[in-house]
Amino acid sequence: MPIWMSVLDHPVPVARATREYAVACQANGGSTGIRKSPIVPKRILALIVVPAVMLLASGPAAAQIPTNSKWESSSVMAQWTSPGTNFLVRNNMWNCQHDPDPCAPETVWARSYHDWGVQTNQPAGNTAVLSYPDVQDVLTQASGNDTPLGRFTILKSTFSIRMPSGLGLDDEAAYDDWLNNWNTEVMIWVYNQGQTPAGSVVSRPVIAGQHWAFWASGTKGNDHNIYSFVLNTNETRGSVNTLAMLDWLVKQGWVPANSGVTDNEFGMEECSSGGHTVDFAVTGFTLTARTS
């Protein structure tokens, strides 16, 4: 029988660990980078229903970081566990650990995992992804192993965001789902301003009533691939049926049927803010996961 649980009402202890995972990231010019990010394994919840939010404030003019935030940090790879949950808010500046450092300052603040934001000022003209501030929820089992994809009966999310506007912006809002012990990356882009996914368009499927361009990088069926679903029109509010998209990948032969689900993230890939400060804040995000 499935178990229903709300993370907000029933805190689950978090076993902390740090692991590096890598992912090729294609910039507009075709260059690649390697993302390394800390993860926090946790016990899998057969059902997770969580209000979380990511809101990105509009316009090039900078807003103030809230004075009543419970946490804020400008440190590269800083992260904060929202009290009573397994959700991390992260200043995931994964491509800002070089000498010389290509990144400008970025500050993440949070009142909770469903009320947080980012203030950033990244170089004008840059096209390589520098940072992915996000909310992360690791979906492994108590053993630390992936939850088999075939066990999920529901895996879906809703979102509500505001994207910045202005000249010189290069970014996108996207889900980042990981399969097969951090080896297979599946991105779901819901709002794009100037970015190009890795690989090339190989299909234009309609999944759960939504129209997507499907980009693939790597050999079909290989574990170490990057897949990106790009919505055909930008949305600031909507829903995503992640399970339907993963099932489509299996039916089309892009991922093995015995794949496991490792992690779910939702955030903002940042390349350039046009050289001026822009702000991001949160209003509405839910994640629902249920297994048999």
Protein backbone atom coordinates (compact mmCIF):
# COMPACT_ATOMS: atom_id res chain seq x y z
CA MET A 1 0.00 0.00 0.00
CA PRO A 2 1.27 3.49 -0.72
CA ILE A 3 2.12 5.80 2.15
CA TRP A 4 0.92 9.39 2.10
CA MET A 5 2.99 11.98 3.86
CA SER A 6 3.36 15.73 3.97
CA VAL A 7 6.90 16.94 4.54
CA LEU A 8 5.55 20.05 6.21
CA ASP A 9 3.59 18.10 8.82
CA HIS A 10 5.97 15.20 9.38
CA PRO A 11 9.65 16.11 9.45
CA VAL A 12 12.00 13.35 8.33
CA PRO A 13 15.55 13.14 9.70
CA VAL A 14 18.16 13.98 7.09
CA ALA A 15 21.31 11.91 6.84
CA ARG A 16 23.91 14.40 5.64
CA ALA A 17 26.57 13.46 3.16
CA THR A 18 28.41 15.13 0.35
CA ARG A 19 28.89 13.62 -3.07
CA GLU A 20 30.14 15.20 -6.26
CA TYR A 21 28.17 14.67 -9.40
CA ALA A 22 29.07 15.93 -12.82
CA VAL A 23 27.07 16.98 -15.82
CA ALA A 24 28.11 18.35 -19.16
CA CYS A 25 26.58 21.76 -19.68
CA GLN A 26 26.41 23.30 -23.12
CA ALA A 27 26.71 27.04 -23.52
CA ASN A 28 25.22 28.89 -26.44
CA GLY A 29 28.53 28.75 -28.26
CA GLY A 30 28.70 24.99 -27.82
CA SER A 31 31.25 24.95 -25.00
CA THR A 32 30.77 22.58 -22.09
CA GLY A 33 31.38 22.71 -18.37
CA ILE A 34 31.19 20.31 -15.46
CA ARG A 35 28.70 20.83 -12.67
CA LYS A 36 29.58 19.60 -9.21
CA SER A 37 27.00 19.88 -6.50
CA PRO A 38 26.51 18.64 -2.95
CA ILE A 39 23.55 16.35 -2.34
CA VAL A 40 21.75 15.28 0.78
CA PRO A 41 20.36 11.73 0.64
CA LYS A 42 17.13 11.13 2.53
CA ARG A 43 14.56 8.46 3.11
CA ILE A 44 12.15 8.25 0.20
CA LEU A 45 8.61 9.39 0.89
CA ALA A 46 6.05 7.32 -0.95
CA LEU A 47 4.04 10.49 -1.25
CA ILE A 48 5.40 13.98 -1.02
CA VAL A 49 3.10 16.92 -1.36
CA VAL A 50 5.04 20.08 -0.83
CA PRO A 51 4.30 23.70 -1.38
CA ALA A 52 7.55 25.28 -2.43
CA VAL A 53 8.12 28.33 -4.51
CA MET A 54 10.50 29.93 -6.72
CA LEU A 55 9.74 33.42 -7.82
CA LEU A 56 12.00 35.50 -9.90
CA ALA A 57 11.45 39.23 -9.63
CA SER A 58 11.10 41.13 -12.87
CA GLY A 59 13.00 44.02 -14.33
CA PRO A 60 16.63 45.12 -14.30
CA ALA A 61 16.17 47.34 -11.25
CA ALA A 62 17.40 45.70 -8.06
CA ALA A 63 15.03 45.03 -5.20
CA GLN A 64 16.14 44.70 -1.61
CA ILE A 65 16.83 41.37 0.03
CA PRO A 66 14.07 40.96 2.66
CA THR A 67 15.09 42.08 6.13
CA ASN A 68 13.15 39.21 7.70
CA SER A 69 14.84 36.41 5.77
CA LYS A 70 15.90 33.48 7.95
CA TRP A 71 19.00 32.76 5.89
CA GLU A 72 21.11 34.41 3.25
CA SER A 73 24.51 33.69 1.80
CA SER A 74 26.82 34.90 -0.95
CA SER A 75 29.16 31.94 -0.54
CA VAL A 76 29.70 29.65 -3.49
CA MET A 77 27.78 26.37 -3.01
CA ALA A 78 26.15 27.54 0.24
CA GLN A 79 23.00 25.62 1.16
CA TRP A 80 20.30 25.78 3.79
CA THR A 81 17.89 23.11 5.02
CA SER A 82 14.41 24.50 5.45
CA PRO A 83 13.44 23.60 9.05
CA GLY A 84 11.35 20.46 9.43
CA THR A 85 11.85 19.35 5.81
CA ASN A 86 14.34 17.62 3.54
CA PHE A 87 14.41 20.53 1.09
CA LEU A 88 17.60 22.44 0.47
CA VAL A 89 17.77 26.00 -0.83
CA ARG A 90 21.13 26.28 -2.57
CA ASN A 91 23.42 28.93 -3.95
CA ASN A 92 24.49 26.40 -6.53
CA MET A 93 27.28 28.41 -8.23
CA TRP A 94 28.74 25.22 -9.67
CA ASN A 95 30.71 26.90 -12.46
CA CYS A 96 32.22 29.60 -10.21
CA GLN A 97 35.07 27.60 -8.72
CA HIS A 98 37.85 28.43 -11.17
CA ASP A 99 40.90 30.67 -11.18
CA PRO A 100 40.18 33.23 -12.42
CA ASP A 101 36.56 33.11 -11.26
CA PRO A 102 34.20 33.99 -14.16
CA CYS A 103 31.31 34.88 -11.84
CA ALA A 104 30.13 38.08 -10.24
CA PRO A 105 28.47 38.23 -6.81
CA GLU A 106 25.25 36.33 -6.12
CA THR A 107 23.22 36.17 -2.91
CA VAL A 108 20.54 33.62 -2.09
CA TRP A 109 18.07 34.37 0.71
CA ALA A 110 15.24 32.33 2.20
CA ARG A 111 12.43 32.56 4.70
CA SER A 112 11.60 28.92 3.98
CA TYR A 113 12.08 26.52 1.09
CA HIS A 114 8.82 27.82 -0.39
CA ASP A 115 9.73 31.49 0.05
CA TRP A 116 13.19 32.37 -1.20
CA GLY A 117 15.05 34.28 -3.83
CA VAL A 118 18.28 35.28 -5.53
CA GLN A 119 20.00 38.58 -6.18
CA THR A 120 22.65 38.31 -8.88
CA ASN A 121 24.76 40.38 -11.23
CA GLN A 122 26.47 38.26 -13.89
CA PRO A 123 28.71 39.57 -16.69
CA ALA A 124 27.15 41.08 -19.81
CA GLY A 125 27.56 38.93 -22.90
CA ASN A 126 28.34 35.70 -21.05
CA THR A 127 26.63 32.61 -22.52
CA ALA A 128 28.00 29.77 -20.35
CA VAL A 129 25.83 28.65 -17.43
CA LEU A 130 27.47 29.90 -14.25
CA SER A 131 24.94 29.14 -11.55
CA TYR A 132 21.77 27.19 -10.81
CA PRO A 133 20.20 28.50 -7.57
CA ASP A 134 17.52 25.98 -6.75
CA VAL A 135 15.40 23.93 -4.38
CA GLN A 136 16.50 20.31 -4.20
CA ASP A 137 14.76 17.17 -2.97
CA VAL A 138 16.63 13.86 -3.14
CA LEU A 139 14.27 10.96 -3.88
CA THR A 140 16.39 7.96 -2.94
CA GLN A 141 15.16 5.17 -0.70
CA ALA A 142 16.19 4.62 2.94
CA SER A 143 18.96 2.35 1.65
CA GLY A 144 20.38 5.22 -0.39
CA ASN A 145 19.50 3.49 -3.65
CA ASP A 146 17.40 5.11 -6.35
CA THR A 147 13.65 4.60 -6.27
CA PRO A 148 12.78 2.47 -9.33
CA LEU A 149 10.95 4.51 -11.95
CA GLY A 150 8.42 1.70 -12.33
CA ARG A 151 7.28 2.15 -8.71
CA PHE A 152 6.07 5.72 -9.21
CA THR A 153 2.35 6.18 -9.76
CA ILE A 154 2.53 9.99 -9.46
CA LEU A 155 5.43 12.35 -10.00
CA LYS A 156 4.28 15.83 -10.91
CA SER A 157 4.81 19.47 -10.04
CA THR A 158 3.27 22.91 -10.34
CA PHE A 159 5.13 26.19 -10.53
CA SER A 160 4.55 29.93 -10.48
CA ILE A 161 7.43 32.26 -11.36
CA ARG A 162 8.25 35.77 -12.48
CA MET A 163 11.22 36.09 -14.78
CA PRO A 164 13.34 39.23 -15.01
CA SER A 165 13.04 41.38 -18.12
CA GLY A 166 15.47 43.72 -19.81
CA LEU A 167 18.36 43.79 -22.26
CA GLY A 168 21.20 41.30 -22.11
CA LEU A 169 19.52 38.61 -20.01
CA ASP A 170 20.56 35.01 -20.68
CA ASP A 171 18.88 32.46 -18.41
CA GLU A 172 16.17 29.86 -18.11
CA ALA A 173 13.87 28.43 -15.43
CA ALA A 174 13.94 24.66 -15.42
CA TYR A 175 13.51 21.43 -13.55
CA ASP A 176 16.59 19.24 -13.27
CA ASP A 177 15.78 15.58 -12.67
CA TRP A 178 18.50 12.99 -12.16
CA LEU A 179 18.25 9.27 -12.85
CA ASN A 180 20.47 6.24 -12.38
CA ASN A 181 22.63 7.42 -9.49
CA TRP A 182 23.28 10.93 -10.89
CA ASN A 183 24.31 9.64 -14.33
CA THR A 184 21.33 10.64 -16.49
CA GLU A 185 20.12 14.25 -16.49
CA VAL A 186 16.60 15.16 -17.62
CA MET A 187 15.89 18.89 -17.76
CA ILE A 188 12.44 20.41 -18.25
CA TRP A 189 12.60 24.04 -19.40
CA VAL A 190 9.50 26.14 -18.74
CA TYR A 191 10.88 29.62 -19.50
CA ASN A 192 13.87 30.40 -21.70
CA GLN A 193 15.67 33.66 -22.38
CA GLY A 194 18.52 33.02 -24.81
CA GLN A 195 19.81 29.59 -23.77
CA THR A 196 20.34 26.52 -26.00
CA PRO A 197 20.20 22.98 -24.56
CA ALA A 198 22.92 20.40 -25.06
CA GLY A 199 22.63 18.27 -28.19
CA SER A 200 20.03 18.74 -30.90
CA VAL A 201 16.26 18.54 -31.39
CA VAL A 202 15.28 14.97 -32.27
CA SER A 203 11.52 15.06 -31.63
CA ARG A 204 8.61 17.38 -30.90
CA PRO A 205 6.31 15.31 -28.66
CA VAL A 206 3.02 16.24 -27.05
CA ILE A 207 3.06 14.93 -23.49
CA ALA A 208 0.19 15.39 -21.03
CA GLY A 209 -1.32 17.94 -23.41
CA GLN A 210 1.84 20.09 -23.56
CA HIS A 211 4.00 20.68 -26.65
CA TRP A 212 7.75 20.22 -26.25
CA ALA A 213 10.95 20.26 -28.26
CA PHE A 214 13.00 17.27 -27.13
CA TRP A 215 16.78 17.74 -27.21
CA ALA A 216 19.18 14.82 -26.79
CA SER A 217 22.91 14.66 -26.22
CA GLY A 218 24.73 11.33 -26.31
CA THR A 219 24.04 7.83 -27.60
CA LYS A 220 20.46 6.62 -27.36
CA GLY A 221 19.98 4.38 -24.34
CA ASN A 222 23.30 5.34 -22.72
CA ASP A 223 23.18 6.15 -19.00
CA HIS A 224 25.46 9.18 -19.28
CA ASN A 225 23.21 11.40 -21.40
CA ILE A 226 21.61 14.81 -21.10
CA TYR A 227 17.98 15.22 -22.22
CA SER A 228 16.06 18.47 -22.29
CA PHE A 229 12.35 19.07 -22.81
CA VAL A 230 11.80 22.69 -23.85
CA LEU A 231 8.25 24.04 -23.65
CA ASN A 232 7.11 25.53 -26.95
CA THR A 233 6.02 28.73 -25.25
CA ASN A 234 7.30 30.41 -22.11
CA GLU A 235 5.10 29.99 -19.05
CA THR A 236 5.24 31.80 -15.74
CA ARG A 237 2.65 29.52 -14.18
CA GLY A 238 1.82 25.93 -15.01
CA SER A 239 2.25 22.26 -14.24
CA VAL A 240 4.59 19.47 -15.32
CA ASN A 241 3.80 15.75 -15.37
CA THR A 242 7.33 14.50 -14.77
CA LEU A 243 6.30 10.84 -14.65
CA ALA A 244 4.66 11.06 -18.07
CA MET A 245 7.85 12.57 -19.50
CA LEU A 246 10.07 9.90 -17.98
CA ASP A 247 7.72 7.17 -19.23
CA TRP A 248 7.95 8.72 -22.72
CA LEU A 249 11.74 8.49 -22.56
CA VAL A 250 11.47 4.79 -21.69
CA LYS A 251 8.98 4.04 -24.48
CA GLN A 252 11.16 5.84 -27.02
CA GLY A 253 14.24 3.90 -25.92
CA TRP A 254 16.18 6.88 -24.57
CA VAL A 255 16.47 5.52 -21.03
CA PRO A 256 16.31 1.90 -19.78
CA ALA A 257 13.01 0.65 -18.39
CA ASN A 258 14.77 -0.33 -15.15
CA SER A 259 15.98 3.23 -14.50
CA GLY A 260 15.87 4.66 -11.00
CA VAL A 261 14.93 8.19 -9.89
CA THR A 262 17.60 9.94 -7.81
CA ASP A 263 16.66 13.58 -7.41
CA ASN A 264 14.29 16.43 -8.33
CA GLU A 265 15.35 20.08 -8.53
CA PHE A 266 13.74 23.30 -9.70
CA GLY A 267 15.74 26.42 -10.26
CA MET A 268 17.22 29.06 -12.47
CA GLU A 269 20.20 28.54 -14.76
CA GLU A 270 22.01 31.85 -15.00
CA CYS A 271 24.46 32.97 -17.67
CA SER A 272 24.14 36.75 -17.80
CA SER A 273 22.06 39.45 -16.14
CA GLY A 274 23.28 41.96 -18.70
CA GLY A 275 25.83 43.32 -16.26
CA HIS A 276 23.23 44.75 -13.89
CA THR A 277 21.69 43.44 -10.68
CA VAL A 278 18.46 41.48 -10.93
CA ASP A 279 16.39 39.82 -8.24
CA PHE A 280 14.49 36.57 -7.94
CA ALA A 281 11.91 35.69 -5.28
CA VAL A 282 9.36 32.85 -4.66
CA THR A 283 5.63 32.34 -4.83
CA GLY A 284 4.38 28.91 -5.78
CA PHE A 285 5.79 25.44 -6.32
CA THR A 286 4.47 21.99 -5.43
CA LEU A 287 5.98 18.54 -5.82
CA THR A 288 3.84 15.42 -5.54
CA ALA A 289 5.44 11.95 -5.61
CA ARG A 290 3.69 8.67 -4.94
CA THR A 291 4.94 5.10 -5.22
CA SER A 292 3.15 1.77 -5.17
